[in-house]
PDB file of N, CA and C in Angstrom:
ATOM      1  N   MET A   1      93.120 125.065 101.532  1.00  0.00           N
ATOM      2  CA  MET A   1      94.497 124.633 101.450  1.00  0.00           C
ATOM      3  C   MET A   1      94.551 123.101 101.525  1.00  0.00           C
ATOM      4  N   ASN A   2      95.213 122.508 100.565  1.00  0.00           N
ATOM      5  CA  ASN A   2      95.389 121.057 100.565  1.00  0.00           C
ATOM      6  C   ASN A   2      96.506 120.681 101.525  1.00  0.00           C
ATOM      7  N   ARG A   3      96.231 119.680 102.332  1.00  0.00           N
ATOM      8  CA  ARG A   3      97.254 119.174 103.247  1.00  0.00           C
ATOM      9  C   ARG A   3      97.661 117.785 102.766  1.00  0.00           C
ATOM     10  N   HIS A   4      98.963 117.602 102.565  1.00  0.00           N
ATOM     11  CA  HIS A   4      99.509 116.331 102.092  1.00  0.00           C
ATOM     12  C   HIS A   4     100.462 115.787 103.151  1.00  0.00           C
ATOM     13  N   LEU A   5     100.465 114.472 103.308  1.00  0.00           N
ATOM     14  CA  LEU A   5     101.377 113.817 104.231  1.00  0.00           C
ATOM     15  C   LEU A   5     101.936 112.571 103.559  1.00  0.00           C
ATOM     16  N   HIS A   6     103.263 112.436 103.576  1.00  0.00           N
ATOM     17  CA  HIS A   6     103.926 111.242 103.056  1.00  0.00           C
ATOM     18  C   HIS A   6     104.243 110.337 104.236  1.00  0.00           C
ATOM     19  N   ILE A   7     103.732 109.113 104.184  1.00  0.00           N
ATOM     20  CA  ILE A   7     103.989 108.117 105.223  1.00  0.00           C
ATOM     21  C   ILE A   7     104.907 107.061 104.631  1.00  0.00           C
ATOM     22  N   ILE A   8     105.996 106.779 105.337  1.00  0.00           N
ATOM     23  CA  ILE A   8     106.964 105.775 104.894  1.00  0.00           C
ATOM     24  C   ILE A   8     106.968 104.644 105.911  1.00  0.00           C
ATOM     25  N   CYS A   9     106.737 103.412 105.445  1.00  0.00           N
ATOM     26  CA  CYS A   9     106.750 102.275 106.363  1.00  0.00           C
ATOM     27  C   CYS A   9     107.505 101.104 105.737  1.00  0.00           C
ATOM     28  N   ASN A  10     107.906 100.188 106.599  1.00  0.00           N
ATOM     29  CA  ASN A  10     108.707  99.041 106.148  1.00  0.00           C
ATOM     30  C   ASN A  10     107.904  98.024 105.363  1.00  0.00           C
ATOM     31  N   ASN A  11     106.652  97.847 105.722  1.00  0.00           N
ATOM     32  CA  ASN A  11     105.813  96.826 105.089  1.00  0.00           C
ATOM     33  C   ASN A  11     104.454  97.410 104.740  1.00  0.00           C
ATOM     34  N   VAL A  12     103.777  96.756 103.847  1.00  0.00           N
ATOM     35  CA  VAL A  12     102.434  97.185 103.466  1.00  0.00           C
ATOM     36  C   VAL A  12     101.492  97.021 104.671  1.00  0.00           C
ATOM     37  N   PRO A  13     100.710  98.064 104.992  1.00  0.00           N
ATOM     38  CA  PRO A  13      99.820  97.970 106.153  1.00  0.00           C
ATOM     39  C   PRO A  13      98.483  97.288 105.850  1.00  0.00           C
ATOM     40  N   TRP A  14      98.494  96.316 104.977  1.00  0.00           N
ATOM     41  CA  TRP A  14      97.279  95.559 104.651  1.00  0.00           C
ATOM     42  C   TRP A  14      97.669  94.155 104.293  1.00  0.00           C
ATOM     43  N   PRO A  15      97.052  93.108 104.701  1.00  0.00           N
ATOM     44  CA  PRO A  15      95.868  93.093 105.549  1.00  0.00           C
ATOM     45  C   PRO A  15      96.223  93.505 106.981  1.00  0.00           C
ATOM     46  N   VAL A  16      95.239  93.966 107.681  1.00  0.00           N
ATOM     47  CA  VAL A  16      95.422  94.417 109.059  1.00  0.00           C
ATOM     48  C   VAL A  16      95.389  93.189 109.951  1.00  0.00           C
ATOM     49  N   ASN A  17      96.562  92.536 110.071  1.00  0.00           N
ATOM     50  CA  ASN A  17      96.603  91.255 110.778  1.00  0.00           C
ATOM     51  C   ASN A  17      97.683  91.181 111.854  1.00  0.00           C
ATOM     52  N   ASN A  18      98.343  92.304 112.153  1.00  0.00           N
ATOM     53  CA  ASN A  18      99.297  92.340 113.262  1.00  0.00           C
ATOM     54  C   ASN A  18      99.321  93.750 113.838  1.00  0.00           C
ATOM     55  N   SER A  19      99.966  93.922 114.969  1.00  0.00           N
ATOM     56  CA  SER A  19      99.895  95.204 115.671  1.00  0.00           C
ATOM     57  C   SER A  19     100.496  96.356 114.863  1.00  0.00           C
ATOM     58  N   LYS A  20     101.557  96.092 114.095  1.00  0.00           N
ATOM     59  CA  LYS A  20     102.163  97.157 113.286  1.00  0.00           C
ATOM     60  C   LYS A  20     101.224  97.618 112.174  1.00  0.00           C
ATOM     61  N   SER A  21     100.625  96.685 111.478  1.00  0.00           N
ATOM     62  CA  SER A  21      99.727  97.069 110.393  1.00  0.00           C
ATOM     63  C   SER A  21      98.448  97.716 110.926  1.00  0.00           C
ATOM     64  N   VAL A  22      97.967  97.282 112.093  1.00  0.00           N
ATOM     65  CA  VAL A  22      96.793  97.904 112.706  1.00  0.00           C
ATOM     66  C   VAL A  22      97.097  99.363 113.024  1.00  0.00           C
ATOM     67  N   ASP A  23      98.244  99.624 113.618  1.00  0.00           N
ATOM     68  CA  ASP A  23      98.630 100.983 113.997  1.00  0.00           C
ATOM     69  C   ASP A  23      98.721 101.903 112.777  1.00  0.00           C
ATOM     70  N   ILE A  24      99.453 101.476 111.752  1.00  0.00           N
ATOM     71  CA  ILE A  24      99.622 102.307 110.553  1.00  0.00           C
ATOM     72  C   ILE A  24      98.293 102.499 109.836  1.00  0.00           C
ATOM     73  N   PHE A  25      97.541 101.429 109.664  1.00  0.00           N
ATOM     74  CA  PHE A  25      96.275 101.543 108.940  1.00  0.00           C
ATOM     75  C   PHE A  25      95.296 102.468 109.667  1.00  0.00           C
ATOM     76  N   CYS A  26      95.202 102.355 110.986  1.00  0.00           N
ATOM     77  CA  CYS A  26      94.299 103.229 111.745  1.00  0.00           C
ATOM     78  C   CYS A  26      94.711 104.692 111.632  1.00  0.00           C
ATOM     79  N   GLN A  27      96.021 104.959 111.601  1.00  0.00           N
ATOM     80  CA  GLN A  27      96.498 106.320 111.410  1.00  0.00           C
ATOM     81  C   GLN A  27      96.126 106.844 110.026  1.00  0.00           C
ATOM     82  N   ILE A  28      96.323 106.018 109.006  1.00  0.00           N
ATOM     83  CA  ILE A  28      95.973 106.405 107.635  1.00  0.00           C
ATOM     84  C   ILE A  28      94.480 106.712 107.541  1.00  0.00           C
ATOM     85  N   GLU A  29      93.651 105.846 108.099  1.00  0.00           N
ATOM     86  CA  GLU A  29      92.208 106.027 108.047  1.00  0.00           C
ATOM     87  C   GLU A  29      91.775 107.308 108.772  1.00  0.00           C
ATOM     88  N   ALA A  30      92.351 107.572 109.951  1.00  0.00           N
ATOM     89  CA  ALA A  30      91.993 108.767 110.723  1.00  0.00           C
ATOM     90  C   ALA A  30      92.425 110.042 110.006  1.00  0.00           C
ATOM     91  N   LEU A  31      93.623 110.045 109.436  1.00  0.00           N
ATOM     92  CA  LEU A  31      94.104 111.218 108.705  1.00  0.00           C
ATOM     93  C   LEU A  31      93.256 111.474 107.463  1.00  0.00           C
ATOM     94  N   TYR A  32      92.878 110.416 106.779  1.00  0.00           N
ATOM     95  CA  TYR A  32      92.002 110.526 105.604  1.00  0.00           C
ATOM     96  C   TYR A  32      90.671 111.182 105.974  1.00  0.00           C
ATOM     97  N   LYS A  33      90.102 110.764 107.093  1.00  0.00           N
ATOM     98  CA  LYS A  33      88.827 111.320 107.542  1.00  0.00           C
ATOM     99  C   LYS A  33      88.935 112.804 107.896  1.00  0.00           C
ATOM    100  N   GLN A  34      90.155 113.273 108.199  1.00  0.00           N
ATOM    101  CA  GLN A  34      90.385 114.686 108.498  1.00  0.00           C
ATOM    102  C   GLN A  34      90.692 115.493 107.246  1.00  0.00           C
ATOM    103  N   GLY A  35      90.653 114.840 106.099  1.00  0.00           N
ATOM    104  CA  GLY A  35      90.863 115.542 104.835  1.00  0.00           C
ATOM    105  C   GLY A  35      92.313 115.664 104.402  1.00  0.00           C
ATOM    106  N   ILE A  36      93.201 114.932 105.046  1.00  0.00           N
ATOM    107  CA  ILE A  36      94.621 114.967 104.679  1.00  0.00           C
ATOM    108  C   ILE A  36      94.859 113.975 103.557  1.00  0.00           C
ATOM    109  N   LYS A  37      95.561 114.414 102.525  1.00  0.00           N
ATOM    110  CA  LYS A  37      95.869 113.544 101.386  1.00  0.00           C
ATOM    111  C   LYS A  37      97.140 112.746 101.724  1.00  0.00           C
ATOM    112  N   ILE A  38      96.988 111.432 101.758  1.00  0.00           N
ATOM    113  CA  ILE A  38      98.067 110.536 102.163  1.00  0.00           C
ATOM    114  C   ILE A  38      98.805 110.028 100.935  1.00  0.00           C
ATOM    115  N   HIS A  39     100.123 110.082 100.990  1.00  0.00           N
ATOM    116  CA  HIS A  39     100.998 109.491  99.977  1.00  0.00           C
ATOM    117  C   HIS A  39     101.795 108.411 100.713  1.00  0.00           C
ATOM    118  N   LEU A  40     101.447 107.154 100.458  1.00  0.00           N
ATOM    119  CA  LEU A  40     102.034 106.032 101.179  1.00  0.00           C
ATOM    120  C   LEU A  40     103.227 105.478 100.412  1.00  0.00           C
ATOM    121  N   HIS A  41     104.333 105.262 101.118  1.00  0.00           N
ATOM    122  CA  HIS A  41     105.549 104.673 100.565  1.00  0.00           C
ATOM    123  C   HIS A  41     105.900 103.473 101.447  1.00  0.00           C
ATOM    124  N   TYR A  42     106.124 102.310 100.830  1.00  0.00           N
ATOM    125  CA  TYR A  42     106.513 101.156 101.632  1.00  0.00           C
ATOM    126  C   TYR A  42     107.387 100.203 100.831  1.00  0.00           C
ATOM    127  N   LEU A  43     108.150  99.375 101.576  1.00  0.00           N
ATOM    128  CA  LEU A  43     109.020  98.360 100.974  1.00  0.00           C
ATOM    129  C   LEU A  43     108.200  97.113 100.694  1.00  0.00           C
ATOM    130  N   CYS A  44     108.549  96.436  99.603  1.00  0.00           N
ATOM    131  CA  CYS A  44     107.795  95.261  99.185  1.00  0.00           C
ATOM    132  C   CYS A  44     108.751  94.209  98.636  1.00  0.00           C
ATOM    133  N   SER A  45     108.554  92.951  99.023  1.00  0.00           N
ATOM    134  CA  SER A  45     109.443  91.893  98.559  1.00  0.00           C
ATOM    135  C   SER A  45     108.983  91.236  97.268  1.00  0.00           C
ATOM    136  N   ASN A  46     107.734  91.464  96.841  1.00  0.00           N
ATOM    137  CA  ASN A  46     107.284  90.927  95.553  1.00  0.00           C
ATOM    138  C   ASN A  46     106.544  92.016  94.785  1.00  0.00           C
ATOM    139  N   GLN A  47     106.339  91.806  93.510  1.00  0.00           N
ATOM    140  CA  GLN A  47     105.771  92.846  92.652  1.00  0.00           C
ATOM    141  C   GLN A  47     104.263  93.007  92.795  1.00  0.00           C
ATOM    142  N   ASN A  48     103.594  92.020  93.363  1.00  0.00           N
ATOM    143  CA  ASN A  48     102.133  92.071  93.478  1.00  0.00           C
ATOM    144  C   ASN A  48     101.677  92.356  94.910  1.00  0.00           C
ATOM    145  N   CYS A  49     102.325  93.276  95.576  1.00  0.00           N
ATOM    146  CA  CYS A  49     101.971  93.519  96.979  1.00  0.00           C
ATOM    147  C   CYS A  49     101.285  94.866  97.175  1.00  0.00           C
ATOM    148  N   HIS A  50     100.544  95.322  96.170  1.00  0.00           N
ATOM    149  CA  HIS A  50      99.789  96.572  96.318  1.00  0.00           C
ATOM    150  C   HIS A  50      98.310  96.245  96.447  1.00  0.00           C
ATOM    151  N   PRO A  51      97.831  96.157  97.692  1.00  0.00           N
ATOM    152  CA  PRO A  51      96.411  95.880  97.872  1.00  0.00           C
ATOM    153  C   PRO A  51      95.563  97.077  97.466  1.00  0.00           C
ATOM    154  N   THR A  52      94.526  96.852  96.703  1.00  0.00           N
ATOM    155  CA  THR A  52      93.693  97.943  96.200  1.00  0.00           C
ATOM    156  C   THR A  52      92.881  98.616  97.312  1.00  0.00           C
ATOM    157  N   GLU A  53      92.751  97.981  98.467  1.00  0.00           N
ATOM    158  CA  GLU A  53      92.021  98.590  99.576  1.00  0.00           C
ATOM    159  C   GLU A  53      92.656  99.905 100.011  1.00  0.00           C
ATOM    160  N   LEU A  54      93.975 100.040  99.840  1.00  0.00           N
ATOM    161  CA  LEU A  54      94.672 101.264 100.253  1.00  0.00           C
ATOM    162  C   LEU A  54      94.334 102.456  99.362  1.00  0.00           C
ATOM    163  N   ASN A  55      93.908 102.202  98.130  1.00  0.00           N
ATOM    164  CA  ASN A  55      93.556 103.295  97.217  1.00  0.00           C
ATOM    165  C   ASN A  55      92.389 104.123  97.747  1.00  0.00           C
ATOM    166  N   ARG A  56      91.557 103.531  98.552  1.00  0.00           N
ATOM    167  CA  ARG A  56      90.402 104.238  99.120  1.00  0.00           C
ATOM    168  C   ARG A  56      90.838 105.383 100.040  1.00  0.00           C
ATOM    169  N   TYR A  57      91.974 105.208 100.724  1.00  0.00           N
ATOM    170  CA  TYR A  57      92.435 106.182 101.712  1.00  0.00           C
ATOM    171  C   TYR A  57      93.633 107.002 101.248  1.00  0.00           C
ATOM    172  N   CYS A  58      94.361 106.520 100.259  1.00  0.00           N
ATOM    173  CA  CYS A  58      95.617 107.159  99.862  1.00  0.00           C
ATOM    174  C   CYS A  58      95.493 107.865  98.515  1.00  0.00           C
ATOM    175  N   GLU A  59      96.039 109.049  98.441  1.00  0.00           N
ATOM    176  CA  GLU A  59      96.112 109.801  97.192  1.00  0.00           C
ATOM    177  C   GLU A  59      97.040 109.085  96.206  1.00  0.00           C
ATOM    178  N   SER A  60      98.132 108.538  96.738  1.00  0.00           N
ATOM    179  CA  SER A  60      99.067 107.754  95.923  1.00  0.00           C
ATOM    180  C   SER A  60      99.725 106.696  96.798  1.00  0.00           C
ATOM    181  N   VAL A  61     100.108 105.586  96.165  1.00  0.00           N
ATOM    182  CA  VAL A  61     100.776 104.485  96.857  1.00  0.00           C
ATOM    183  C   VAL A  61     102.011 104.127  96.043  1.00  0.00           C
ATOM    184  N   HIS A  62     103.170 104.106  96.708  1.00  0.00           N
ATOM    185  CA  HIS A  62     104.437 103.823  96.033  1.00  0.00           C
ATOM    186  C   HIS A  62     105.123 102.647  96.722  1.00  0.00           C
ATOM    187  N   THR A  63     105.523 101.665  95.933  1.00  0.00           N
ATOM    188  CA  THR A  63     106.250 100.526  96.481  1.00  0.00           C
ATOM    189  C   THR A  63     107.697 100.582  96.020  1.00  0.00           C
ATOM    190  N   TYR A  64     108.578 100.064  96.873  1.00  0.00           N
ATOM    191  CA  TYR A  64     110.005 100.033  96.575  1.00  0.00           C
ATOM    192  C   TYR A  64     110.512  98.628  96.869  1.00  0.00           C
ATOM    193  N   PRO A  65     111.407  98.098  96.041  1.00  0.00           N
ATOM    194  CA  PRO A  65     111.921  96.738  96.269  1.00  0.00           C
ATOM    195  C   PRO A  65     112.682  96.666  97.583  1.00  0.00           C
ATOM    196  N   SER A  66     112.494  95.574  98.319  1.00  0.00           N
ATOM    197  CA  SER A  66     113.157  95.431  99.618  1.00  0.00           C
ATOM    198  C   SER A  66     114.333  94.467  99.593  1.00  0.00           C
ATOM    199  N   GLU A  67     114.748  94.018  98.408  1.00  0.00           N
ATOM    200  CA  GLU A  67     115.872  93.089  98.337  1.00  0.00           C
ATOM    201  C   GLU A  67     117.168  93.745  98.818  1.00  0.00           C
ATOM    202  N   LYS A  68     117.310  95.019  98.558  1.00  0.00           N
ATOM    203  CA  LYS A  68     118.551  95.726  98.871  1.00  0.00           C
ATOM    204  C   LYS A  68     118.392  96.500 100.172  1.00  0.00           C
ATOM    205  N   GLN A  69     119.537  96.741 100.823  1.00  0.00           N
ATOM    206  CA  GLN A  69     119.562  97.599 101.998  1.00  0.00           C
ATOM    207  C   GLN A  69     119.520  99.044 101.518  1.00  0.00           C
ATOM    208  N   ILE A  70     118.531  99.817 101.953  1.00  0.00           N
ATOM    209  CA  ILE A  70     118.409 101.204 101.530  1.00  0.00           C
ATOM    210  C   ILE A  70     118.760 102.112 102.705  1.00  0.00           C
ATOM    211  N   THR A  71     119.731 103.010 102.483  1.00  0.00           N
ATOM    212  CA  THR A  71     120.100 103.960 103.529  1.00  0.00           C
ATOM    213  C   THR A  71     120.354 105.320 102.913  1.00  0.00           C
ATOM    214  N   ASN A  72     120.092 106.356 103.677  1.00  0.00           N
ATOM    215  CA  ASN A  72     120.319 107.740 103.258  1.00  0.00           C
ATOM    216  C   ASN A  72     119.804 108.019 101.852  1.00  0.00           C
ATOM    217  N   THR A  73     118.539 107.816 101.650  1.00  0.00           N
ATOM    218  CA  THR A  73     117.914 107.986 100.344  1.00  0.00           C
ATOM    219  C   THR A  73     117.215 109.335 100.267  1.00  0.00           C
ATOM    220  N   SER A  74     117.350 110.016  99.144  1.00  0.00           N
ATOM    221  CA  SER A  74     116.618 111.252  98.917  1.00  0.00           C
ATOM    222  C   SER A  74     115.324 110.928  98.197  1.00  0.00           C
ATOM    223  N   ILE A  75     114.234 111.461  98.696  1.00  0.00           N
ATOM    224  CA  ILE A  75     112.932 111.256  98.074  1.00  0.00           C
ATOM    225  C   ILE A  75     112.358 112.629  97.772  1.00  0.00           C
ATOM    226  N   GLY A  76     112.062 112.903  96.499  1.00  0.00           N
ATOM    227  CA  GLY A  76     111.477 114.184  96.144  1.00  0.00           C
ATOM    228  C   GLY A  76     109.997 114.201  96.497  1.00  0.00           C
ATOM    229  N   LEU A  77     109.595 115.183  97.291  1.00  0.00           N
ATOM    230  CA  LEU A  77     108.216 115.298  97.712  1.00  0.00           C
ATOM    231  C   LEU A  77     107.565 116.488  97.039  1.00  0.00           C
ATOM    232  N   ASP A  78     106.331 116.757  97.391  1.00  0.00           N
ATOM    233  CA  ASP A  78     105.623 117.897  96.831  1.00  0.00           C
ATOM    234  C   ASP A  78     106.408 119.184  97.080  1.00  0.00           C
ATOM    235  N   GLU A  79     106.194 120.181  96.224  1.00  0.00           N
ATOM    236  CA  GLU A  79     106.866 121.460  96.364  1.00  0.00           C
ATOM    237  C   GLU A  79     106.663 122.005  97.762  1.00  0.00           C
ATOM    238  N   GLY A  80     107.731 122.556  98.324  1.00  0.00           N
ATOM    239  CA  GLY A  80     107.634 123.164  99.636  1.00  0.00           C
ATOM    240  C   GLY A  80     107.916 122.204 100.781  1.00  0.00           C
ATOM    241  N   TYR A  81     108.090 120.948 100.516  1.00  0.00           N
ATOM    242  CA  TYR A  81     108.369 119.983 101.571  1.00  0.00           C
ATOM    243  C   TYR A  81     109.858 119.672 101.609  1.00  0.00           C
ATOM    244  N   ASN A  82     110.315 119.274 102.750  1.00  0.00           N
ATOM    245  CA  ASN A  82     111.696 118.854 102.912  1.00  0.00           C
ATOM    246  C   ASN A  82     111.930 117.622 102.044  1.00  0.00           C
ATOM    247  N   LYS A  83     113.048 117.593 101.339  1.00  0.00           N
ATOM    248  CA  LYS A  83     113.276 116.517 100.370  1.00  0.00           C
ATOM    249  C   LYS A  83     114.228 115.426 100.855  1.00  0.00           C
ATOM    250  N   ILE A  84     114.825 115.579 102.000  1.00  0.00           N
ATOM    251  CA  ILE A  84     115.794 114.577 102.443  1.00  0.00           C
ATOM    252  C   ILE A  84     115.211 113.751 103.591  1.00  0.00           C
ATOM    253  N   PHE A  85     115.226 112.456 103.418  1.00  0.00           N
ATOM    254  CA  PHE A  85     114.792 111.521 104.438  1.00  0.00           C
ATOM    255  C   PHE A  85     115.847 110.444 104.573  1.00  0.00           C
ATOM    256  N   THR A  86     115.935 109.872 105.733  1.00  0.00           N
ATOM    257  CA  THR A  86     116.768 108.695 105.904  1.00  0.00           C
ATOM    258  C   THR A  86     115.834 107.504 105.959  1.00  0.00           C
ATOM    259  N   ALA A  87     116.005 106.586 105.048  1.00  0.00           N
ATOM    260  CA  ALA A  87     115.121 105.414 104.978  1.00  0.00           C
ATOM    261  C   ALA A  87     115.284 104.576 106.251  1.00  0.00           C
ATOM    262  N   LEU A  88     114.200 103.945 106.647  1.00  0.00           N
ATOM    263  CA  LEU A  88     114.201 103.108 107.841  1.00  0.00           C
ATOM    264  C   LEU A  88     114.917 101.816 107.600  1.00  0.00           C
TER     265      LEU A  88
END
């Protein structure tokens, strides 16, 4: 059985240079080692903020523009998962 997990964070967890990015990155790495397929979603202020290092641990990486305030957003996930999330 494939296990998938969607992680949503405010900022890209790379480079690992502050306590927030260390926490998220260590969680991603540990879950990856347990065989969980990670789908990372994060806000980004520029178009070139997808570090390729995350591809090693994540099944997919999705960036969203952070210029606008995002609230009560629906995100379609894999079949069988809850589809409604409230954005941070």
